[in-house]
């Protein structure tokens, strides 16, 4: 009688977690903690727009992270209901790009 020989397949190395997927999972977890918000009243939009422009000039001059984030945050406040999504995406992209840069530097 012939003995059947079985060969075990070599185990694969575990897949590395995609850093962006990990980051998005962290963001999704934090999203659950955010409460309900309202849009900015019209009488405050103009002052927010001026602040966004001032911080935008500061960012152009210095390239500092706080100037970029403040400019984009005030842009959210200056946005109408139709524009707010785009402004929030810009703000989120800037913040996530910085987190990704920090994560890469920490490796």
N, C-alpha and C. Protein backbone atom coordinates (compact mmCIF):
# COMPACT_ATOMS: atom_id res chain seq x y z
N UNK A 1 0.80 -1.18 0.00
CA UNK A 1 0.00 0.00 0.00
C UNK A 1 0.85 1.25 0.00
N UNK A 2 0.44 2.12 -0.86
CA UNK A 2 1.19 3.39 -0.96
C UNK A 2 0.64 4.38 0.03
N UNK A 3 1.54 5.05 0.62
CA UNK A 3 1.13 6.04 1.61
C UNK A 3 0.97 7.39 0.91
N UNK A 4 -0.15 8.04 1.14
CA UNK A 4 -0.37 9.35 0.53
C UNK A 4 0.44 10.39 1.28
N UNK A 5 1.13 11.15 0.54
CA UNK A 5 1.95 12.19 1.15
C UNK A 5 1.25 13.52 0.99
N UNK A 6 1.08 14.18 2.08
CA UNK A 6 0.47 15.51 2.00
C UNK A 6 1.54 16.53 2.34
N UNK A 7 1.55 17.53 1.58
CA UNK A 7 2.49 18.62 1.87
C UNK A 7 1.70 19.83 2.29
N UNK A 8 2.12 20.40 3.36
CA UNK A 8 1.43 21.60 3.85
C UNK A 8 1.89 22.80 3.05
N UNK A 9 0.93 23.61 2.70
CA UNK A 9 1.28 24.83 1.98
C UNK A 9 1.99 25.77 2.95
N UNK A 10 2.99 26.43 2.46
CA UNK A 10 3.65 27.38 3.35
C UNK A 10 2.69 28.51 3.73
N UNK A 11 2.73 28.90 4.98
CA UNK A 11 1.84 29.96 5.43
C UNK A 11 2.30 31.29 4.89
N UNK A 12 1.32 32.07 4.51
CA UNK A 12 1.63 33.42 4.01
C UNK A 12 1.88 34.34 5.18
N UNK A 13 2.69 35.30 4.91
CA UNK A 13 2.90 36.34 5.92
C UNK A 13 1.61 37.16 6.02
N UNK A 14 1.27 37.61 7.20
CA UNK A 14 0.04 38.41 7.31
C UNK A 14 0.17 39.71 6.52
N UNK A 15 -0.95 40.12 5.95
CA UNK A 15 -0.95 41.36 5.17
C UNK A 15 -0.77 42.54 6.10
N UNK A 16 0.00 43.48 5.62
CA UNK A 16 0.17 44.71 6.39
C UNK A 16 -1.10 45.53 6.27
N UNK A 17 -1.46 46.16 7.34
CA UNK A 17 -2.65 47.01 7.34
C UNK A 17 -2.34 48.26 6.53
N UNK A 18 -3.26 48.59 5.64
CA UNK A 18 -3.12 49.80 4.86
C UNK A 18 -3.19 51.00 5.80
N UNK A 19 -2.17 51.86 5.83
CA UNK A 19 -2.17 52.98 6.77
C UNK A 19 -3.38 53.90 6.59
N UNK A 20 -3.80 54.12 5.36
CA UNK A 20 -4.95 55.00 5.12
C UNK A 20 -6.23 54.35 5.63
N UNK A 21 -6.36 53.05 5.43
CA UNK A 21 -7.55 52.34 5.93
C UNK A 21 -7.57 52.39 7.46
N UNK A 22 -6.43 52.23 8.08
CA UNK A 22 -6.35 52.31 9.54
C UNK A 22 -6.77 53.70 10.02
N UNK A 23 -6.26 54.72 9.34
CA UNK A 23 -6.59 56.10 9.69
C UNK A 23 -8.09 56.36 9.53
N UNK A 24 -8.66 55.89 8.44
CA UNK A 24 -10.09 56.10 8.23
C UNK A 24 -10.93 55.37 9.27
N UNK A 25 -10.47 54.21 9.71
CA UNK A 25 -11.18 53.51 10.79
C UNK A 25 -11.13 54.31 12.08
N UNK A 26 -9.99 54.94 12.36
CA UNK A 26 -9.88 55.78 13.55
C UNK A 26 -10.83 56.98 13.44
N UNK A 27 -10.90 57.56 12.25
CA UNK A 27 -11.78 58.71 12.03
C UNK A 27 -13.24 58.30 12.20
N UNK A 28 -13.61 57.16 11.65
CA UNK A 28 -14.98 56.67 11.79
C UNK A 28 -15.35 56.46 13.25
N UNK A 29 -14.41 55.97 14.03
CA UNK A 29 -14.67 55.79 15.46
C UNK A 29 -14.90 57.13 16.15
N UNK A 30 -14.15 58.14 15.77
CA UNK A 30 -14.31 59.47 16.36
C UNK A 30 -15.61 60.14 15.90
N UNK A 31 -16.04 59.81 14.69
CA UNK A 31 -17.26 60.42 14.16
C UNK A 31 -18.47 60.10 15.03
N UNK A 32 -18.44 58.97 15.68
CA UNK A 32 -19.54 58.59 16.56
C UNK A 32 -19.67 59.50 17.77
N UNK A 33 -18.60 60.22 18.08
CA UNK A 33 -18.61 61.10 19.25
C UNK A 33 -19.07 62.52 18.92
N UNK A 34 -19.19 62.82 17.65
CA UNK A 34 -19.58 64.17 17.24
C UNK A 34 -21.09 64.32 17.37
N UNK A 35 -21.51 65.39 18.00
CA UNK A 35 -22.94 65.64 18.18
C UNK A 35 -23.55 66.30 16.95
N UNK A 36 -24.79 66.65 17.08
CA UNK A 36 -25.53 67.33 16.02
C UNK A 36 -25.07 68.78 15.93
N UNK A 37 -24.95 69.28 14.73
CA UNK A 37 -24.55 70.67 14.51
C UNK A 37 -25.56 71.38 13.63
N UNK A 38 -25.46 72.68 13.61
CA UNK A 38 -26.28 73.49 12.71
C UNK A 38 -25.35 74.27 11.79
N UNK A 39 -25.89 74.77 10.71
CA UNK A 39 -25.07 75.57 9.81
C UNK A 39 -24.86 76.97 10.39
N UNK A 40 -23.86 77.65 9.90
CA UNK A 40 -23.55 78.99 10.38
C UNK A 40 -24.63 79.97 9.95
N UNK A 41 -25.12 80.79 10.88
CA UNK A 41 -26.11 81.79 10.50
C UNK A 41 -25.52 82.79 9.50
N UNK A 42 -26.36 83.29 8.65
CA UNK A 42 -25.91 84.19 7.57
C UNK A 42 -25.17 85.42 8.11
N UNK A 43 -25.58 85.97 9.25
CA UNK A 43 -24.96 87.19 9.75
C UNK A 43 -23.51 86.97 10.20
N UNK A 44 -23.08 85.72 10.41
CA UNK A 44 -21.69 85.44 10.80
C UNK A 44 -20.80 85.02 9.64
N UNK A 45 -21.38 84.71 8.50
CA UNK A 45 -20.59 84.19 7.37
C UNK A 45 -19.56 85.19 6.87
N UNK A 46 -19.92 86.46 6.79
CA UNK A 46 -18.99 87.46 6.26
C UNK A 46 -17.76 87.60 7.15
N UNK A 47 -17.94 87.62 8.45
CA UNK A 47 -16.77 87.73 9.33
C UNK A 47 -15.91 86.47 9.25
N UNK A 48 -16.54 85.32 9.12
CA UNK A 48 -15.77 84.08 8.95
C UNK A 48 -15.00 84.10 7.63
N UNK A 49 -15.60 84.67 6.60
CA UNK A 49 -14.93 84.75 5.31
C UNK A 49 -13.68 85.63 5.41
N UNK A 50 -13.80 86.73 6.14
CA UNK A 50 -12.63 87.60 6.33
C UNK A 50 -11.52 86.90 7.10
N UNK A 51 -11.91 86.15 8.11
CA UNK A 51 -10.91 85.40 8.89
C UNK A 51 -10.26 84.31 8.03
N UNK A 52 -11.06 83.66 7.21
CA UNK A 52 -10.52 82.62 6.32
C UNK A 52 -9.49 83.22 5.38
N UNK A 53 -9.79 84.40 4.84
CA UNK A 53 -8.86 85.06 3.93
C UNK A 53 -7.57 85.46 4.66
N UNK A 54 -7.72 85.98 5.88
CA UNK A 54 -6.53 86.40 6.64
C UNK A 54 -5.64 85.20 6.96
N UNK A 55 -6.25 84.11 7.41
CA UNK A 55 -5.45 82.92 7.71
C UNK A 55 -4.89 82.30 6.43
N UNK A 56 -5.58 82.43 5.33
CA UNK A 56 -5.06 81.96 4.04
C UNK A 56 -3.81 82.73 3.64
N UNK A 57 -3.83 84.04 3.87
CA UNK A 57 -2.63 84.85 3.58
C UNK A 57 -1.48 84.44 4.50
N UNK A 58 -1.80 84.18 5.76
CA UNK A 58 -0.77 83.75 6.71
C UNK A 58 -0.17 82.41 6.29
N UNK A 59 -1.03 81.51 5.83
CA UNK A 59 -0.54 80.21 5.36
C UNK A 59 0.35 80.38 4.13
N UNK A 60 -0.05 81.26 3.21
CA UNK A 60 0.76 81.51 2.02
C UNK A 60 2.13 82.07 2.40
N UNK A 61 2.15 82.87 3.44
CA UNK A 61 3.40 83.49 3.89
C UNK A 61 4.29 82.52 4.66
N UNK A 62 3.70 81.76 5.58
CA UNK A 62 4.50 80.94 6.50
C UNK A 62 4.46 79.45 6.22
N UNK A 63 3.38 79.00 5.60
CA UNK A 63 3.23 77.56 5.36
C UNK A 63 2.94 76.77 6.63
N UNK A 64 2.51 77.44 7.68
CA UNK A 64 2.29 76.75 8.95
C UNK A 64 0.97 75.98 8.95
N UNK A 65 1.00 74.87 9.66
CA UNK A 65 -0.16 73.99 9.73
C UNK A 65 -1.35 74.68 10.37
N UNK A 66 -1.12 75.41 11.45
CA UNK A 66 -2.25 76.07 12.12
C UNK A 66 -2.93 77.08 11.21
N UNK A 67 -2.15 77.80 10.41
CA UNK A 67 -2.73 78.77 9.49
C UNK A 67 -3.59 78.07 8.43
N UNK A 68 -3.11 76.94 7.92
CA UNK A 68 -3.87 76.20 6.92
C UNK A 68 -5.19 75.69 7.51
N UNK A 69 -5.10 75.05 8.68
CA UNK A 69 -6.31 74.49 9.28
C UNK A 69 -7.30 75.56 9.69
N UNK A 70 -6.80 76.68 10.24
CA UNK A 70 -7.71 77.76 10.61
C UNK A 70 -8.36 78.39 9.38
N UNK A 71 -7.58 78.56 8.33
CA UNK A 71 -8.15 79.10 7.09
C UNK A 71 -9.28 78.22 6.58
N UNK A 72 -9.03 76.92 6.55
CA UNK A 72 -10.04 75.99 6.04
C UNK A 72 -11.23 75.89 7.00
N UNK A 73 -10.98 75.95 8.30
CA UNK A 73 -12.08 75.90 9.27
C UNK A 73 -12.98 77.12 9.15
N UNK A 74 -12.38 78.30 9.01
CA UNK A 74 -13.19 79.50 8.84
C UNK A 74 -13.91 79.49 7.49
N UNK A 75 -13.31 78.83 6.50
CA UNK A 75 -13.98 78.69 5.21
C UNK A 75 -15.25 77.85 5.36
N UNK A 76 -15.19 76.83 6.21
CA UNK A 76 -16.39 76.05 6.50
C UNK A 76 -17.46 76.96 7.09
N UNK A 77 -17.06 77.80 8.04
CA UNK A 77 -18.00 78.71 8.68
C UNK A 77 -18.56 79.75 7.73
N UNK A 78 -17.80 80.09 6.69
CA UNK A 78 -18.25 81.09 5.73
C UNK A 78 -19.11 80.48 4.61
N UNK A 79 -19.18 79.17 4.57
CA UNK A 79 -19.87 78.49 3.47
C UNK A 79 -21.38 78.49 3.65
N UNK A 80 -22.06 78.53 2.53
CA UNK A 80 -23.51 78.34 2.54
C UNK A 80 -23.80 76.85 2.69
N UNK A 81 -25.05 76.51 2.87
CA UNK A 81 -25.42 75.10 3.05
C UNK A 81 -24.99 74.26 1.85
N UNK A 82 -24.98 74.83 0.66
CA UNK A 82 -24.59 74.08 -0.54
C UNK A 82 -23.08 73.91 -0.65
N UNK A 83 -22.32 74.82 -0.06
CA UNK A 83 -20.86 74.78 -0.17
C UNK A 83 -20.17 74.06 0.99
N UNK A 84 -20.89 73.84 2.05
CA UNK A 84 -20.25 73.36 3.28
C UNK A 84 -19.61 71.98 3.10
N UNK A 85 -20.18 71.11 2.33
CA UNK A 85 -19.60 69.77 2.13
C UNK A 85 -18.22 69.87 1.52
N UNK A 86 -18.09 70.66 0.46
CA UNK A 86 -16.79 70.82 -0.20
C UNK A 86 -15.76 71.40 0.77
N UNK A 87 -16.16 72.39 1.55
CA UNK A 87 -15.25 72.99 2.52
C UNK A 87 -14.82 71.99 3.58
N UNK A 88 -15.75 71.17 4.03
CA UNK A 88 -15.41 70.15 5.03
C UNK A 88 -14.47 69.10 4.45
N UNK A 89 -14.67 68.74 3.20
CA UNK A 89 -13.77 67.77 2.55
C UNK A 89 -12.36 68.35 2.47
N UNK A 90 -12.24 69.62 2.13
CA UNK A 90 -10.92 70.26 2.08
C UNK A 90 -10.26 70.25 3.46
N UNK A 91 -11.01 70.58 4.48
CA UNK A 91 -10.48 70.60 5.84
C UNK A 91 -10.05 69.20 6.27
N UNK A 92 -10.89 68.22 6.00
CA UNK A 92 -10.56 66.84 6.36
C UNK A 92 -9.33 66.35 5.61
N UNK A 93 -9.23 66.71 4.34
CA UNK A 93 -8.07 66.29 3.54
C UNK A 93 -6.78 66.87 4.10
N UNK A 94 -6.80 68.13 4.48
CA UNK A 94 -5.60 68.76 5.04
C UNK A 94 -5.22 68.08 6.35
N UNK A 95 -6.20 67.83 7.20
CA UNK A 95 -5.92 67.19 8.49
C UNK A 95 -5.42 65.76 8.30
N UNK A 96 -6.06 65.00 7.43
CA UNK A 96 -5.64 63.62 7.20
C UNK A 96 -4.27 63.54 6.55
N UNK A 97 -3.96 64.47 5.66
CA UNK A 97 -2.63 64.49 5.04
C UNK A 97 -1.55 64.73 6.09
N UNK A 98 -1.84 65.58 7.05
CA UNK A 98 -0.87 65.84 8.13
C UNK A 98 -0.71 64.63 9.03
N UNK A 99 -1.81 63.95 9.35
CA UNK A 99 -1.73 62.75 10.18
C UNK A 99 -0.92 61.67 9.45
N UNK A 100 -1.15 61.53 8.15
CA UNK A 100 -0.39 60.56 7.36
C UNK A 100 1.10 60.89 7.36
N UNK A 101 1.41 62.18 7.25
CA UNK A 101 2.82 62.60 7.27
C UNK A 101 3.46 62.26 8.62
N UNK A 102 2.72 62.51 9.70
CA UNK A 102 3.22 62.21 11.05
C UNK A 102 3.43 60.70 11.20
N UNK A 103 2.46 59.91 10.71
CA UNK A 103 2.58 58.46 10.81
C UNK A 103 3.81 57.94 10.04
N UNK A 104 4.04 58.49 8.86
CA UNK A 104 5.20 58.06 8.07
C UNK A 104 6.50 58.45 8.74
N UNK A 105 6.53 59.61 9.36
CA UNK A 105 7.74 60.07 10.04
C UNK A 105 8.03 59.22 11.28
N UNK A 106 6.98 58.66 11.88
CA UNK A 106 7.15 57.87 13.09
C UNK A 106 7.63 56.45 12.84
N UNK A 107 7.72 56.03 11.61
CA UNK A 107 8.14 54.66 11.31
C UNK A 107 9.62 54.50 11.42
